[in-house]
Protein backbone atom coordinates (compact mmCIF):
# COMPACT_ATOMS: atom_id res chain seq x y z
CA UNK A 1 -6.86 -20.52 -9.63
CA UNK A 2 -5.78 -17.51 -7.57
CA UNK A 3 -2.20 -16.98 -6.56
CA UNK A 4 -2.00 -16.87 -2.75
CA UNK A 5 0.56 -14.31 -1.61
CA UNK A 6 1.48 -14.93 2.00
CA UNK A 7 5.20 -14.34 2.41
CA UNK A 8 7.33 -11.27 2.04
CA UNK A 9 11.00 -11.89 1.40
CA UNK A 10 13.88 -9.72 2.50
CA UNK A 11 15.78 -7.77 -0.20
CA UNK A 12 18.76 -9.92 0.87
CA UNK A 13 16.95 -13.01 -0.46
CA UNK A 14 19.26 -14.35 -3.21
CA UNK A 15 16.22 -15.09 -5.39
CA UNK A 16 15.45 -11.34 -5.39
CA UNK A 17 18.94 -10.37 -6.50
CA UNK A 18 18.94 -9.25 -10.13
CA UNK A 19 22.59 -10.32 -10.32
CA UNK A 20 21.53 -13.91 -9.78
CA UNK A 21 19.45 -13.76 -12.98
CA UNK A 22 16.61 -15.48 -11.11
CA UNK A 23 13.83 -14.03 -13.25
CA UNK A 24 13.73 -13.66 -17.04
CA UNK A 25 11.26 -10.78 -17.06
CA UNK A 26 9.85 -8.21 -14.62
CA UNK A 27 7.49 -9.47 -11.94
CA UNK A 28 3.81 -8.66 -12.20
CA UNK A 29 2.91 -5.46 -10.40
CA UNK A 30 0.04 -5.08 -7.98
CA UNK A 31 -0.89 -1.37 -7.90
CA UNK A 32 -2.79 -0.54 -4.72
CA UNK A 33 -4.12 2.62 -3.11
CA UNK A 34 -2.76 3.61 0.28
CA UNK A 35 -5.93 2.27 1.93
CA UNK A 36 -5.60 -1.12 0.24
CA UNK A 37 -1.89 -1.32 1.16
CA UNK A 38 -2.94 -1.07 4.83
CA UNK A 39 -4.95 -4.30 4.64
CA UNK A 40 -3.63 -7.70 5.66
CA UNK A 41 -6.29 -9.56 3.64
CA UNK A 42 -7.02 -8.52 0.07
CA UNK A 43 -8.44 -10.05 -3.09
CA UNK A 44 -7.21 -8.34 -6.26
CA UNK A 45 -6.48 -8.84 -9.94
CA UNK A 46 -3.09 -8.48 -11.63
CA UNK A 47 -2.97 -6.59 -14.95
CA UNK A 48 -2.80 -10.00 -16.66
CA UNK A 49 -6.24 -10.85 -15.23
CA UNK A 50 -4.93 -13.41 -12.76
CA UNK A 51 -6.59 -13.30 -9.34
CA UNK A 52 -4.39 -12.91 -6.29
CA UNK A 53 -5.23 -13.27 -2.62
CA UNK A 54 -2.93 -11.43 -0.21
CA UNK A 55 -2.98 -13.14 3.17
CA UNK A 56 -0.62 -11.50 5.65
CA UNK A 57 -0.52 -11.92 9.41
CA UNK A 58 -3.12 -9.81 11.20
CA UNK A 59 -1.96 -6.23 11.62
CA UNK A 60 0.66 -6.42 8.87
CA UNK A 61 0.39 -4.39 5.70
CA UNK A 62 2.11 -3.84 2.37
CA UNK A 63 4.54 -1.08 1.46
CA UNK A 64 5.35 0.43 -1.92
CA UNK A 65 8.28 -1.38 -3.54
CA UNK A 66 8.01 -4.57 -1.51
CA UNK A 67 7.83 -8.00 -3.03
CA UNK A 68 5.19 -10.52 -2.01
CA UNK A 69 5.82 -14.20 -2.64
CA UNK A 70 3.51 -17.10 -3.28
CA UNK A 71 3.75 -20.65 -2.03
CA UNK A 72 4.95 -21.83 -5.47
CA UNK A 73 7.74 -19.22 -5.65
CA UNK A 74 5.70 -16.57 -7.47
CA UNK A 75 6.78 -12.98 -6.98
CA UNK A 76 4.58 -9.85 -7.16
CA UNK A 77 5.84 -6.29 -6.77
CA UNK A 78 3.62 -3.96 -4.70
CA UNK A 79 3.31 -0.48 -6.18
CA UNK A 80 1.54 2.61 -4.87
CA UNK A 81 -1.35 3.35 -7.22
CA UNK A 82 -2.06 6.83 -8.50
CA UNK A 83 -5.02 8.26 -6.61
CA UNK A 84 -6.74 11.58 -6.03
CA UNK A 85 -4.98 13.69 -3.39
CA UNK A 86 -5.01 17.25 -2.12
CA UNK A 87 -1.75 19.10 -2.77
CA UNK A 88 -1.37 21.83 -0.18
CA UNK A 89 1.03 24.70 -0.78
CA UNK A 90 1.60 28.10 0.77
CA UNK A 91 3.18 31.49 0.02
CA UNK A 92 6.28 30.73 2.10
CA UNK A 93 7.87 27.94 4.15
CA UNK A 94 6.72 29.32 7.50
CA UNK A 95 3.09 29.37 6.33
CA UNK A 96 3.43 25.79 5.05
CA UNK A 97 5.05 24.71 8.34
CA UNK A 98 2.13 26.28 10.22
CA UNK A 99 -0.38 24.37 8.06
CA UNK A 100 1.50 21.09 8.59
CA UNK A 101 1.42 21.74 12.35
CA UNK A 102 -2.38 22.03 12.26
CA UNK A 103 -2.76 18.92 10.08
CA UNK A 104 -0.48 16.95 12.43
CA UNK A 105 -2.53 18.17 15.39
CA UNK A 106 -5.47 16.37 13.75
CA UNK A 107 -3.39 13.19 13.15
CA UNK A 108 -3.75 13.49 9.37
CA UNK A 109 -1.62 11.15 7.27
CA UNK A 110 0.58 13.29 5.06
CA UNK A 111 3.19 12.97 2.35
CA UNK A 112 5.72 15.75 2.81
CA UNK A 113 7.73 17.51 0.12
CA UNK A 114 9.92 20.62 0.39
CA UNK A 115 7.29 22.87 -1.19
CA UNK A 116 4.01 21.06 -0.52
CA UNK A 117 2.19 18.52 1.60
CA UNK A 118 -0.20 15.91 0.18
CA UNK A 119 -3.19 14.48 2.04
CA UNK A 120 -6.20 12.35 1.23
CA UNK A 121 -9.20 14.44 0.11
CA UNK A 122 -11.18 15.94 2.99
CA UNK A 123 -13.40 19.01 2.50
CA UNK A 124 -13.20 20.09 6.15
CA UNK A 125 -9.39 20.00 6.11
CA UNK A 126 -9.33 21.87 2.79
CA UNK A 127 -11.43 24.66 4.35
CA UNK A 128 -9.07 24.80 7.34
CA UNK A 129 -6.03 25.04 5.04
CA UNK A 130 -7.62 27.86 3.03
CA UNK A 131 -8.52 29.65 6.27
CA UNK A 132 -4.83 29.43 7.26
CA UNK A 133 -3.83 31.04 3.94
CA UNK A 134 -2.84 27.87 2.09
CA UNK A 135 -3.74 26.69 -1.40
CA UNK A 136 -5.45 23.36 -2.13
CA UNK A 137 -5.18 21.68 -5.52
CA UNK A 138 -6.65 18.30 -6.52
CA UNK A 139 -3.92 16.14 -8.10
CA UNK A 140 -3.48 12.54 -9.23
CA UNK A 141 -0.43 11.00 -7.55
CA UNK A 142 0.74 7.95 -5.60
CA UNK A 143 0.31 8.47 -1.85
CA UNK A 144 3.35 7.58 0.26
CA UNK A 145 2.65 9.18 3.65
CA UNK A 146 5.14 9.48 6.48
CA UNK A 147 5.15 6.48 8.80
CA UNK A 148 4.97 8.45 12.03
CA UNK A 149 7.28 8.85 15.00
CA UNK A 150 7.01 5.25 16.15
CA UNK A 151 7.37 3.54 12.77
CA UNK A 152 10.35 1.20 12.36
CA UNK A 153 12.25 3.09 9.72
CA UNK A 154 11.69 6.19 7.62
CA UNK A 155 8.26 6.25 6.03
CA UNK A 156 7.45 2.66 6.96
CA UNK A 157 4.69 1.03 8.86
CA UNK A 158 7.09 -0.98 11.01
CA UNK A 159 6.03 -4.53 10.34
CA UNK A 160 7.60 -7.91 9.83
CA UNK A 161 6.19 -10.62 7.65
CA UNK A 162 6.42 -14.23 8.67
CA UNK A 163 5.14 -17.58 7.56
CA UNK A 164 2.39 -19.56 9.29
CA UNK A 165 3.47 -23.02 8.18
CA UNK A 166 4.32 -23.89 11.80
CA UNK A 167 0.74 -23.13 12.91
CA UNK A 168 -1.65 -25.56 11.16
CA UNK A 169 -4.79 -23.81 12.46
CA UNK A 170 -3.61 -20.44 11.14
CA UNK A 171 -2.47 -22.01 7.85
CA UNK A 172 -5.91 -23.61 7.37
CA UNK A 173 -7.62 -20.32 8.18
CA UNK A 174 -5.35 -18.43 5.75
CA UNK A 175 -6.07 -20.96 2.98
CA UNK A 176 -9.82 -20.60 3.57
CA UNK A 177 -9.47 -16.79 3.42
CA UNK A 178 -7.53 -17.12 0.18
CA UNK A 179 -10.25 -19.30 -1.35
CA UNK A 180 -12.93 -16.84 -0.24
CA UNK A 181 -10.90 -13.92 -1.61
CA UNK A 182 -10.52 -15.67 -4.96
CA UNK A 183 -14.27 -16.35 -5.20
CA UNK A 184 -15.12 -12.73 -4.31
CA UNK A 185 -12.59 -11.35 -6.78
CA UNK A 186 -13.83 -13.53 -9.65
CA UNK A 187 -17.46 -12.62 -8.89
CA UNK A 188 -16.67 -8.89 -8.74
CA UNK A 189 -14.83 -8.95 -12.04
CA UNK A 190 -17.61 -10.99 -13.68
CA UNK A 191 -20.14 -8.33 -12.57
CA UNK A 192 -17.89 -5.56 -13.91
CA UNK A 193 -17.87 -7.16 -17.37
CA UNK A 194 -21.71 -7.27 -17.52
């Protein structure tokens, strides 16, 4: 049976405090690409092979380092998966700043570092960067883009998780989505083994 993950706890939750000794071993990790972390509904498999169904409120998404909780007290740590990215660098800081300006003008999600900017692969943007004098290198790295000017906090998506136990219609819908997610996940992994 799949683990339904519907609640995100605050780091102030005493159960999450390592000082409390609440868990004997590390929590399972759910490594997700940036695209998958933006979803509020997701069927996935933990490294142990256990199916999980993430069922967040519409419009909410997961962030790297956050802990999702199940209805039975399960905990799963969300991690940014390594994925293919473009690393963009330049001869000097002004040239890099100019490239970042042009990427921002196109509303491109970007992970900024002092000497480079990382974006999702896009051949048109790579050509633009090269035309501006920049260098593009394909790398494998976790993607943690900036949250934008209106995000609630540095590098975040500005969301709040909450429970739907007070809304029986939503709770029934979420349970049905979890069951569907579990069935889809099991079927996909069965096909992958064949």
